[in-house]
N, C-alpha and C. Protein backbone atom coordinates (compact mmCIF):
# COMPACT_ATOMS: atom_id res chain seq x y z
N UNK A 1 1.03 -1.14 -0.09
CA UNK A 1 0.00 -0.01 0.05
C UNK A 1 0.88 1.45 -0.16
N UNK A 2 0.58 2.22 -1.08
CA UNK A 2 1.38 3.35 -1.11
C UNK A 2 0.55 4.75 -1.47
N UNK A 3 0.74 5.67 -1.50
CA UNK A 3 0.49 6.96 -1.97
C UNK A 3 0.18 6.64 -3.22
N UNK A 4 -1.33 7.01 -3.96
CA UNK A 4 -1.06 7.39 -5.37
C UNK A 4 -0.87 8.65 -6.03
N UNK A 5 -0.53 8.70 -7.26
CA UNK A 5 -0.51 10.02 -8.07
C UNK A 5 -1.46 10.94 -7.52
N UNK A 6 -1.07 11.95 -6.66
CA UNK A 6 -2.23 12.99 -6.37
C UNK A 6 -2.94 14.12 -7.19
N UNK A 7 -4.10 13.94 -7.22
CA UNK A 7 -4.90 14.59 -8.03
C UNK A 7 -4.66 16.22 -7.88
N UNK A 8 -4.83 17.01 -8.78
CA UNK A 8 -5.27 18.69 -8.51
C UNK A 8 -6.82 18.69 -8.07
N UNK A 9 -6.66 19.95 -7.61
CA UNK A 9 -8.77 20.43 -6.79
C UNK A 9 -9.21 20.13 -8.18
N UNK A 10 -10.35 19.23 -8.03
CA UNK A 10 -11.41 18.92 -9.12
C UNK A 10 -12.44 19.81 -9.08
N UNK A 11 -12.84 21.23 -9.71
CA UNK A 11 -13.63 21.66 -9.91
C UNK A 11 -15.10 21.07 -10.33
N UNK A 12 -16.31 21.23 -9.75
CA UNK A 12 -17.49 20.86 -9.87
C UNK A 12 -18.26 21.75 -10.02
N UNK A 13 -19.45 21.61 -10.59
CA UNK A 13 -20.34 22.96 -10.51
C UNK A 13 -20.89 23.28 -9.43
N UNK A 14 -21.16 22.65 -8.23
CA UNK A 14 -21.53 23.27 -6.85
C UNK A 14 -20.49 22.53 -5.57
N UNK A 15 -19.35 21.96 -6.59
CA UNK A 15 -18.37 21.80 -5.15
C UNK A 15 -17.19 21.39 -5.79
N UNK A 16 -16.09 20.96 -4.70
CA UNK A 16 -14.71 21.07 -5.19
C UNK A 16 -14.34 19.96 -4.49
N UNK A 17 -13.39 19.30 -4.99
CA UNK A 17 -12.42 18.16 -4.62
C UNK A 17 -11.46 18.05 -4.46
N UNK A 18 -10.27 18.37 -3.03
CA UNK A 18 -9.25 18.28 -3.04
C UNK A 18 -8.67 17.68 -2.00
N UNK A 19 -7.36 17.79 -1.93
CA UNK A 19 -6.29 16.75 -0.97
C UNK A 19 -6.79 17.61 0.68
N UNK A 20 -7.33 17.02 1.51
CA UNK A 20 -7.20 17.38 2.90
C UNK A 20 -6.01 18.27 3.46
N UNK A 21 -6.44 19.38 3.87
CA UNK A 21 -5.19 20.22 4.55
C UNK A 21 -5.27 19.70 5.98
N UNK A 22 -4.17 19.38 6.68
CA UNK A 22 -3.82 19.29 8.02
C UNK A 22 -4.79 19.87 8.94
N UNK A 23 -4.91 21.19 8.86
CA UNK A 23 -5.60 21.68 10.00
C UNK A 23 -7.05 21.15 9.85
N UNK A 24 -7.79 20.27 9.04
CA UNK A 24 -8.91 20.17 8.62
C UNK A 24 -9.14 18.52 9.21
N UNK A 25 -8.06 18.03 9.41
CA UNK A 25 -8.28 16.53 9.86
C UNK A 25 -9.12 16.70 10.71
N UNK A 26 -9.04 17.14 12.00
CA UNK A 26 -9.80 16.79 13.34
C UNK A 26 -11.37 16.65 12.74
N UNK A 27 -12.07 17.42 11.90
CA UNK A 27 -13.52 17.60 11.54
C UNK A 27 -13.31 16.18 10.24
N UNK A 28 -12.49 15.96 9.64
CA UNK A 28 -12.45 14.77 8.77
C UNK A 28 -12.70 13.73 9.42
N UNK A 29 -11.72 13.67 10.71
CA UNK A 29 -12.04 12.40 11.34
C UNK A 29 -12.97 12.30 12.19
N UNK A 30 -13.81 13.18 13.00
CA UNK A 30 -15.20 13.15 13.40
C UNK A 30 -16.18 12.44 12.39
N UNK A 31 -15.94 12.72 10.88
CA UNK A 31 -16.87 11.92 10.45
C UNK A 31 -17.39 10.90 10.40
N UNK A 32 -16.05 10.24 10.37
CA UNK A 32 -16.33 8.81 10.54
C UNK A 32 -16.41 7.88 11.75
N UNK A 33 -16.78 8.95 13.08
CA UNK A 33 -16.48 8.47 14.69
C UNK A 33 -17.84 7.64 14.49
N UNK A 34 -18.58 7.99 14.25
CA UNK A 34 -20.13 6.87 14.61
C UNK A 34 -19.58 5.63 13.87
N UNK A 35 -19.09 5.17 12.92
CA UNK A 35 -19.15 3.92 12.32
C UNK A 35 -17.43 3.45 12.83
N UNK A 36 -16.59 4.03 12.97
CA UNK A 36 -15.28 3.47 13.09
C UNK A 36 -14.92 3.87 14.70
N UNK A 37 -15.48 4.56 15.40
CA UNK A 37 -14.83 5.22 16.65
C UNK A 37 -14.55 3.94 18.01
N UNK A 38 -15.19 2.70 17.38
CA UNK A 38 -15.33 1.35 18.51
C UNK A 38 -14.81 1.37 19.64
N UNK A 39 -16.08 2.39 20.69
CA UNK A 39 -16.17 2.71 22.21
C UNK A 39 -15.15 3.48 22.51
N UNK A 40 -14.53 4.40 21.55
CA UNK A 40 -13.75 5.41 22.09
C UNK A 40 -14.29 6.51 22.13
N UNK A 41 -13.91 7.30 22.85
CA UNK A 41 -14.45 8.78 22.86
C UNK A 41 -13.77 9.80 21.52
N UNK A 42 -14.87 11.10 21.15
CA UNK A 42 -13.81 11.54 19.91
C UNK A 42 -12.99 11.78 20.36
N UNK A 43 -11.96 12.37 21.15
CA UNK A 43 -10.45 12.81 21.08
C UNK A 43 -9.99 11.27 21.12
N UNK A 44 -10.50 10.60 21.68
CA UNK A 44 -9.23 8.86 21.54
C UNK A 44 -9.31 8.52 20.34
N UNK A 45 -10.68 9.02 19.34
CA UNK A 45 -10.90 8.83 17.91
C UNK A 45 -9.78 9.30 17.42
N UNK A 46 -9.67 10.66 17.67
CA UNK A 46 -9.06 11.63 16.75
C UNK A 46 -7.52 11.25 16.76
N UNK A 47 -7.22 10.82 17.76
CA UNK A 47 -5.75 10.51 18.09
C UNK A 47 -5.27 9.29 17.64
N UNK A 48 -6.16 8.28 17.32
CA UNK A 48 -5.70 6.96 17.06
C UNK A 48 -5.75 7.32 15.19
N UNK A 49 -6.73 8.10 14.51
CA UNK A 49 -6.59 8.56 13.31
C UNK A 49 -5.53 9.16 12.93
N UNK A 50 -4.67 9.85 13.87
CA UNK A 50 -3.49 10.76 13.64
C UNK A 50 -2.64 9.52 13.62
N UNK A 51 -2.20 8.51 14.68
CA UNK A 51 -1.35 7.70 15.04
C UNK A 51 -1.51 6.61 14.17
N UNK A 52 -2.78 6.42 12.96
CA UNK A 52 -2.80 5.39 12.16
C UNK A 52 -1.63 5.61 10.70
N UNK A 53 -0.77 4.22 11.00
CA UNK A 53 -0.03 4.09 9.57
C UNK A 53 -0.77 4.18 8.50
N UNK A 54 -1.81 3.53 8.62
CA UNK A 54 -2.67 3.32 7.14
C UNK A 54 -2.79 4.43 6.69
N UNK A 55 -3.32 5.41 7.49
CA UNK A 55 -3.58 6.90 7.35
C UNK A 55 -2.87 7.45 6.40
N UNK A 56 -1.37 7.01 6.99
CA UNK A 56 -0.15 8.02 6.67
C UNK A 56 0.34 7.50 5.07
N UNK A 57 -0.36 6.31 4.85
CA UNK A 57 -0.05 5.83 3.57
C UNK A 57 -1.04 6.28 2.37
N UNK A 58 -1.87 6.53 2.11
CA UNK A 58 -2.79 7.18 1.31
C UNK A 58 -3.18 8.73 1.45
N UNK A 59 -3.90 9.11 0.63
CA UNK A 59 -4.22 10.58 0.02
C UNK A 59 -5.67 10.70 0.35
N UNK A 60 -5.80 11.64 1.75
CA UNK A 60 -7.48 12.19 1.86
C UNK A 60 -8.18 13.19 1.04
N UNK A 61 -9.04 12.54 0.80
CA UNK A 61 -9.54 13.86 -0.35
C UNK A 61 -10.95 13.95 0.48
N UNK A 62 -11.25 15.36 0.22
CA UNK A 62 -12.23 15.60 0.77
C UNK A 62 -13.64 16.67 -0.37
N UNK A 63 -14.65 16.88 -0.31
CA UNK A 63 -15.52 17.52 -0.81
C UNK A 63 -16.37 18.70 -0.53
N UNK A 64 -15.87 19.69 -0.78
CA UNK A 64 -15.77 21.00 -0.11
C UNK A 64 -17.49 21.48 -1.28
N UNK A 65 -18.31 21.43 -0.24
CA UNK A 65 -20.22 22.00 -0.94
C UNK A 65 -19.38 23.81 -1.26
N UNK A 66 -20.89 24.18 -2.03
CA UNK A 66 -20.70 25.55 -2.01
C UNK A 66 -20.64 26.66 -1.27
N UNK A 67 -20.99 25.97 -0.08
CA UNK A 67 -20.75 26.90 0.95
C UNK A 67 -19.10 27.05 1.72
N UNK A 68 -18.26 26.28 1.02
CA UNK A 68 -17.03 26.11 1.23
C UNK A 68 -16.72 25.08 2.49
N UNK A 69 -17.90 24.34 2.78
CA UNK A 69 -17.78 23.96 3.97
C UNK A 69 -17.48 21.98 3.72
N UNK A 70 -16.60 21.54 4.43
CA UNK A 70 -16.20 19.99 3.98
C UNK A 70 -17.45 19.16 4.29
N UNK A 71 -17.74 18.44 3.50
CA UNK A 71 -18.80 17.82 4.07
C UNK A 71 -19.03 16.15 3.51
N UNK A 72 -17.89 15.63 3.12
CA UNK A 72 -17.57 14.43 2.66
C UNK A 72 -15.97 13.99 2.64
N UNK A 73 -15.44 12.52 2.98
CA UNK A 73 -14.24 12.44 2.45
C UNK A 73 -13.79 11.14 2.60
N UNK A 74 -12.86 10.59 1.41
CA UNK A 74 -12.14 9.37 1.58
C UNK A 74 -10.68 9.34 1.14
N UNK A 75 -10.14 7.85 1.49
CA UNK A 75 -8.70 7.62 1.42
C UNK A 75 -8.48 7.00 -0.22
N UNK A 76 -7.67 7.04 -0.60
CA UNK A 76 -6.96 6.50 -1.98
C UNK A 76 -6.05 6.08 -1.61
N UNK A 77 -5.51 4.65 -2.02
CA UNK A 77 -4.31 3.97 -1.22
C UNK A 77 -3.93 3.44 -3.18
N UNK A 78 -2.68 3.47 -3.17
CA UNK A 78 -2.27 2.16 -4.38
C UNK A 78 -2.21 1.31 -4.02
N UNK A 79 -2.24 -0.06 -4.93
CA UNK A 79 -1.51 -1.16 -4.75
C UNK A 79 -1.28 -1.55 -6.03
N UNK A 80 0.02 -2.28 -5.80
CA UNK A 80 0.77 -3.08 -6.87
C UNK A 80 0.31 -4.69 -7.06
N UNK A 81 -0.41 -5.00 -7.77
CA UNK A 81 -0.81 -6.63 -7.60
C UNK A 81 0.67 -7.09 -8.07
N UNK A 82 0.64 -8.63 -8.05
CA UNK A 82 1.48 -9.12 -8.57
C UNK A 82 2.15 -9.04 -9.65
N UNK A 83 1.45 -8.89 -10.70
CA UNK A 83 1.67 -8.71 -12.09
C UNK A 83 1.78 -7.54 -12.53
N UNK A 84 2.08 -6.73 -11.43
CA UNK A 84 2.76 -5.35 -11.79
C UNK A 84 1.83 -4.66 -12.12
N UNK A 85 0.43 -4.73 -12.00
CA UNK A 85 -0.74 -4.03 -12.14
C UNK A 85 -0.91 -3.06 -10.91
N UNK A 86 -1.44 -1.40 -11.12
CA UNK A 86 -1.36 -0.58 -9.63
C UNK A 86 -3.12 -0.75 -10.04
N UNK A 87 -3.49 -0.49 -8.58
CA UNK A 87 -4.69 -0.29 -8.79
C UNK A 87 -4.87 0.68 -7.53
N UNK A 88 -6.13 1.53 -7.45
CA UNK A 88 -6.42 2.00 -6.34
C UNK A 88 -7.83 1.53 -5.40
N UNK A 89 -7.31 1.62 -3.88
CA UNK A 89 -7.81 1.13 -2.86
C UNK A 89 -8.57 1.87 -2.70
N UNK A 90 -10.17 2.19 -2.25
CA UNK A 90 -10.65 3.22 -1.57
C UNK A 90 -11.52 3.05 -0.58
N UNK A 91 -11.01 4.14 0.85
CA UNK A 91 -11.14 3.81 2.27
C UNK A 91 -11.75 4.97 2.79
N UNK A 92 -12.50 4.52 3.63
CA UNK A 92 -13.18 5.46 4.90
C UNK A 92 -13.99 6.44 3.98
N UNK A 93 -14.64 6.04 3.56
CA UNK A 93 -15.91 7.19 2.60
C UNK A 93 -16.59 7.27 3.92
N UNK A 94 -17.03 8.84 4.01
CA UNK A 94 -17.78 9.40 4.90
C UNK A 94 -18.07 10.50 4.77
N UNK A 95 -19.08 10.94 5.35
CA UNK A 95 -19.85 12.01 5.05
C UNK A 95 -20.17 13.01 6.84
N UNK A 96 -20.45 14.11 6.78
CA UNK A 96 -20.94 14.63 8.08
C UNK A 96 -22.28 14.36 8.30
N UNK A 97 -22.27 13.54 9.68
CA UNK A 97 -23.73 13.40 9.96
C UNK A 97 -25.05 14.13 9.23
N UNK A 98 -24.69 15.42 9.31
CA UNK A 98 -25.85 16.43 9.13
C UNK A 98 -26.03 16.48 7.50
N UNK A 99 -24.82 16.26 6.76
CA UNK A 99 -25.25 16.03 5.54
C UNK A 99 -25.13 15.11 4.46
N UNK A 100 -25.73 13.57 5.43
CA UNK A 100 -25.70 12.11 4.79
C UNK A 100 -26.76 12.37 3.93
N UNK A 101 -26.71 11.53 2.89
CA UNK A 101 -28.49 11.02 2.11
C UNK A 101 -28.68 12.45 1.41
N UNK A 102 -27.25 13.05 1.07
CA UNK A 102 -27.50 14.36 0.24
C UNK A 102 -26.88 14.04 -1.10
N UNK A 103 -26.14 12.95 -1.53
CA UNK A 103 -25.27 12.53 -1.99
C UNK A 103 -23.96 13.26 -2.35
N UNK A 104 -23.33 13.76 -1.82
CA UNK A 104 -22.11 13.87 -1.35
C UNK A 104 -21.19 13.16 -1.68
N UNK A 105 -21.14 11.92 -0.88
CA UNK A 105 -20.07 10.82 -1.17
C UNK A 105 -19.99 9.98 -2.29
N UNK A 106 -21.05 10.02 -3.04
CA UNK A 106 -21.06 9.52 -4.38
C UNK A 106 -20.64 10.36 -5.36
N UNK A 107 -20.77 11.58 -5.23
CA UNK A 107 -20.13 13.26 -6.07
C UNK A 107 -18.63 12.91 -5.88
N UNK A 108 -18.00 12.88 -4.83
CA UNK A 108 -16.66 12.64 -4.14
C UNK A 108 -16.13 11.21 -4.80
N UNK A 109 -16.78 10.11 -4.50
CA UNK A 109 -16.29 8.58 -5.42
C UNK A 109 -16.26 9.15 -6.68
N UNK A 110 -17.45 9.61 -7.26
CA UNK A 110 -17.77 9.23 -9.02
C UNK A 110 -16.15 10.25 -9.31
N UNK A 111 -16.31 11.49 -8.50
CA UNK A 111 -15.27 12.56 -9.16
C UNK A 111 -13.67 12.29 -8.99
N UNK A 112 -13.52 11.46 -8.29
CA UNK A 112 -12.31 11.07 -7.76
C UNK A 112 -11.86 9.77 -8.70
N UNK A 113 -12.85 8.88 -8.97
CA UNK A 113 -12.60 7.75 -9.74
C UNK A 113 -12.51 8.18 -11.34
N UNK A 114 -13.78 8.92 -11.89
CA UNK A 114 -13.89 9.40 -13.22
C UNK A 114 -12.36 10.27 -13.43
N UNK A 115 -11.92 10.89 -12.55
CA UNK A 115 -10.33 11.64 -12.86
C UNK A 115 -9.45 10.85 -13.24
N UNK A 116 -9.09 9.93 -12.04
CA UNK A 116 -8.11 8.84 -12.38
C UNK A 116 -7.95 8.55 -13.52
N UNK A 117 -9.07 7.91 -14.34
CA UNK A 117 -9.58 7.23 -15.18
C UNK A 117 -9.42 8.22 -16.30
N UNK A 118 -9.81 9.46 -16.13
CA UNK A 118 -9.46 10.43 -17.54
C UNK A 118 -7.99 10.65 -17.91
N UNK A 119 -7.29 10.79 -16.73
CA UNK A 119 -5.82 11.35 -16.87
C UNK A 119 -5.07 10.11 -16.60
N UNK A 120 -5.40 9.09 -17.54
CA UNK A 120 -5.26 7.73 -17.63
C UNK A 120 -4.26 7.14 -16.48
N UNK A 121 -3.92 7.47 -15.14
CA UNK A 121 -3.41 7.44 -14.02
C UNK A 121 -3.52 5.87 -13.56
N UNK A 122 -5.10 5.33 -13.12
CA UNK A 122 -5.52 4.25 -12.92
C UNK A 122 -7.01 4.24 -13.56
N UNK A 123 -7.12 2.76 -13.87
CA UNK A 123 -8.55 2.16 -14.47
C UNK A 123 -9.25 1.09 -13.63
N UNK A 124 -8.58 0.71 -12.29
CA UNK A 124 -9.11 -0.02 -11.84
C UNK A 124 -9.46 0.35 -10.01
N UNK A 125 -10.40 0.18 -9.48
CA UNK A 125 -10.72 0.82 -8.24
C UNK A 125 -11.21 -0.45 -7.29
N UNK A 126 -10.53 -0.83 -5.69
CA UNK A 126 -11.51 -1.59 -5.01
C UNK A 126 -11.84 -1.20 -3.85
N UNK A 127 -13.15 -1.50 -3.36
CA UNK A 127 -13.15 -1.20 -1.59
C UNK A 127 -13.71 -2.17 -0.91
N UNK A 128 -13.89 -2.16 0.30
CA UNK A 128 -14.29 -3.29 1.27
C UNK A 128 -15.63 -2.30 1.66
N UNK A 129 -16.87 -2.74 1.35
CA UNK A 129 -18.37 -2.20 2.07
C UNK A 129 -18.48 -2.63 2.92
N UNK A 130 -18.73 -1.52 3.92
CA UNK A 130 -19.25 -1.58 5.30
C UNK A 130 -20.81 -1.57 5.44
N UNK A 131 -21.35 -1.32 4.26
CA UNK A 131 -22.50 -0.59 4.15
C UNK A 131 -23.58 -1.71 3.14
N UNK A 132 -24.71 -1.71 2.94
CA UNK A 132 -25.17 -2.35 1.76
C UNK A 132 -24.16 -2.01 0.36
N UNK A 133 -24.29 -3.36 -0.33
CA UNK A 133 -23.38 -2.75 -1.52
C UNK A 133 -23.90 -2.46 -2.12
N UNK A 134 -24.72 -2.38 -2.61
CA UNK A 134 -25.98 -1.72 -3.45
C UNK A 134 -25.57 -0.40 -3.76
N UNK A 135 -25.24 0.44 -2.42
CA UNK A 135 -24.71 1.88 -2.53
C UNK A 135 -23.90 1.89 -3.27
N UNK A 136 -22.85 1.25 -3.24
CA UNK A 136 -21.49 1.27 -4.03
C UNK A 136 -21.77 0.79 -6.05
N UNK A 137 -22.55 -0.12 -5.57
CA UNK A 137 -23.04 -0.69 -7.06
C UNK A 137 -23.57 0.40 -8.27
N UNK A 138 -24.49 1.69 -7.17
CA UNK A 138 -24.75 2.79 -8.27
C UNK A 138 -23.59 3.63 -8.81
N UNK A 139 -22.50 3.31 -8.45
CA UNK A 139 -21.08 4.16 -8.78
C UNK A 139 -20.09 3.08 -9.66
N UNK A 140 -20.88 2.05 -10.20
CA UNK A 140 -20.23 1.28 -10.90
C UNK A 140 -19.04 -0.23 -10.40
N UNK A 141 -19.29 -0.32 -9.01
CA UNK A 141 -18.65 -1.14 -8.30
C UNK A 141 -19.29 -2.25 -8.44
N UNK A 142 -18.94 -3.59 -7.99
CA UNK A 142 -19.68 -4.86 -7.96
C UNK A 142 -18.87 -5.73 -7.34
N UNK A 143 -19.21 -6.44 -6.59
CA UNK A 143 -18.70 -7.63 -5.35
C UNK A 143 -18.20 -8.64 -6.33
N UNK A 144 -17.01 -8.61 -5.88
CA UNK A 144 -16.03 -9.58 -6.11
C UNK A 144 -16.02 -11.38 -5.96
N UNK A 145 -15.80 -11.85 -6.50
CA UNK A 145 -16.33 -13.19 -6.45
C UNK A 145 -15.94 -13.97 -4.69
N UNK A 146 -16.86 -14.94 -4.65
CA UNK A 146 -16.51 -15.08 -3.40
C UNK A 146 -15.28 -15.19 -2.94
N UNK A 147 -14.49 -16.11 -3.52
CA UNK A 147 -13.04 -16.39 -2.96
C UNK A 147 -12.62 -15.31 -2.49
N UNK A 148 -12.64 -14.25 -2.96
CA UNK A 148 -11.90 -13.07 -2.27
C UNK A 148 -12.82 -12.08 -1.24
N UNK A 149 -13.71 -12.96 -0.76
CA UNK A 149 -14.10 -12.34 0.52
C UNK A 149 -13.92 -12.92 1.88
N UNK A 150 -12.98 -12.35 2.25
CA UNK A 150 -12.35 -12.55 3.72
C UNK A 150 -12.86 -12.21 4.86
N UNK A 151 -14.02 -11.14 4.66
CA UNK A 151 -14.02 -10.49 5.72
C UNK A 151 -15.70 -10.30 5.99
N UNK A 152 -16.51 -11.21 7.56
CA UNK A 152 -17.77 -11.31 7.09
C UNK A 152 -18.57 -9.88 7.26
N UNK A 153 -18.41 -8.90 7.92
CA UNK A 153 -18.58 -7.43 7.94
C UNK A 153 -18.45 -6.61 6.77
N UNK A 154 -17.48 -7.19 5.45
CA UNK A 154 -17.50 -6.28 4.35
C UNK A 154 -17.70 -7.00 3.13
N UNK A 155 -18.02 -6.44 2.32
CA UNK A 155 -18.10 -7.05 0.88
C UNK A 155 -16.85 -6.27 -0.05
N UNK A 156 -15.72 -6.92 -0.55
CA UNK A 156 -14.83 -6.45 -1.20
C UNK A 156 -15.70 -6.23 -2.56
N UNK A 157 -15.29 -4.98 -3.27
CA UNK A 157 -15.65 -4.84 -4.56
C UNK A 157 -14.88 -4.04 -5.39
N UNK A 158 -15.21 -4.07 -6.71
CA UNK A 158 -14.48 -3.84 -7.55
C UNK A 158 -15.14 -2.68 -8.70
N UNK A 159 -14.19 -1.70 -9.30
CA UNK A 159 -14.75 -1.09 -10.13
C UNK A 159 -13.77 -0.89 -11.39
N UNK A 160 -14.15 -1.60 -12.57
CA UNK A 160 -12.94 -1.47 -13.66
C UNK A 160 -13.78 -1.74 -15.05
N UNK A 161 -13.38 -2.03 -16.03
CA UNK A 161 -13.85 -1.88 -16.94
C UNK A 161 -14.04 -3.69 -17.56
N UNK A 162 -14.88 -3.98 -17.97
CA UNK A 162 -15.10 -5.54 -18.04
C UNK A 162 -13.80 -6.11 -19.02
N UNK A 163 -13.34 -5.43 -19.72
CA UNK A 163 -12.16 -6.10 -20.91
C UNK A 163 -10.98 -6.03 -19.28
N UNK A 164 -10.84 -5.39 -17.90
CA UNK A 164 -9.87 -5.74 -17.31
C UNK A 164 -10.23 -6.79 -16.10
N UNK A 165 -11.75 -6.97 -16.18
CA UNK A 165 -12.03 -7.57 -14.80
C UNK A 165 -11.45 -9.07 -14.79
N UNK A 166 -11.35 -9.83 -15.71
CA UNK A 166 -10.97 -11.21 -15.38
C UNK A 166 -9.19 -11.01 -15.07
N UNK A 167 -8.75 -10.44 -15.56
CA UNK A 167 -6.95 -10.26 -15.35
C UNK A 167 -7.16 -9.91 -13.81
N UNK A 168 -7.54 -8.47 -13.34
CA UNK A 168 -7.36 -8.03 -12.15
C UNK A 168 -8.26 -9.07 -10.78
N UNK A 169 -8.93 -9.85 -11.56
CA UNK A 169 -9.53 -10.71 -10.20
C UNK A 169 -8.65 -12.24 -10.58
N UNK A 170 -7.76 -12.21 -11.24
CA UNK A 170 -6.75 -13.50 -11.33
C UNK A 170 -5.37 -12.82 -10.37
N UNK A 171 -5.32 -11.64 -10.89
CA UNK A 171 -4.62 -10.99 -9.55
C UNK A 171 -4.46 -10.63 -8.22
N UNK A 172 -5.96 -10.22 -7.93
CA UNK A 172 -6.19 -10.26 -6.97
C UNK A 172 -6.17 -11.39 -5.82
N UNK A 173 -6.15 -12.47 -6.67
CA UNK A 173 -5.94 -13.81 -6.27
C UNK A 173 -5.18 -14.43 -5.69
N UNK A 174 -3.97 -13.90 -6.61
CA UNK A 174 -2.42 -13.86 -6.14
C UNK A 174 -1.67 -12.99 -5.32
N UNK A 175 -2.87 -11.83 -4.97
CA UNK A 175 -2.27 -10.81 -4.28
C UNK A 175 -2.83 -10.35 -3.05
N UNK A 176 -1.84 -10.36 -1.56
CA UNK A 176 -2.67 -10.38 -0.77
C UNK A 176 -2.99 -8.65 -0.12
N UNK A 177 -4.42 -8.23 -0.24
CA UNK A 177 -5.12 -7.25 0.03
C UNK A 177 -5.99 -7.50 1.04
N UNK A 178 -5.23 -6.49 2.73
CA UNK A 178 -6.17 -6.54 3.88
C UNK A 178 -6.87 -5.42 3.95
N UNK A 179 -8.14 -5.68 4.50
CA UNK A 179 -8.86 -4.55 4.96
C UNK A 179 -8.67 -3.37 5.34
N UNK A 180 -8.57 -2.22 4.45
CA UNK A 180 -7.97 -0.87 4.09
C UNK A 180 -9.26 0.09 4.73
């Protein structure tokens, strides 16, 4: 797991996608507290996020709405498969509690994946869905075969073109990718 190529800010009609600034991290970490706080207090959760080796290996993108407020975020990691193919792992997709169900996470997810594809940087993306996988299916992700499903509480999913699917699945069977 490494940092992928960083995207420049992506201007959308009513929002912007960019890399999170250091001073914004506490509010970004708070977005995922209800899902990943795991019995910690909010300050303990934020401290654990700062200390996470995993978080330091990725790039955290945020979606800033028309009011210049951060409303959603996600992490991108680069994985090199045994074949040499590089893919993006997407993790920690979350939205502020009072901004959920407004389409922000989907806008962020599509913006990041479609920009990486358009720039010819990456063409395949994986994620572990901790929610109903139907949500991610709306954005072109599909559950991987059962032999790649290793976590009972998460569904391992992929977004790629049909022409790459079989090769990526074969590569994923040969490459150990742990929950991220």
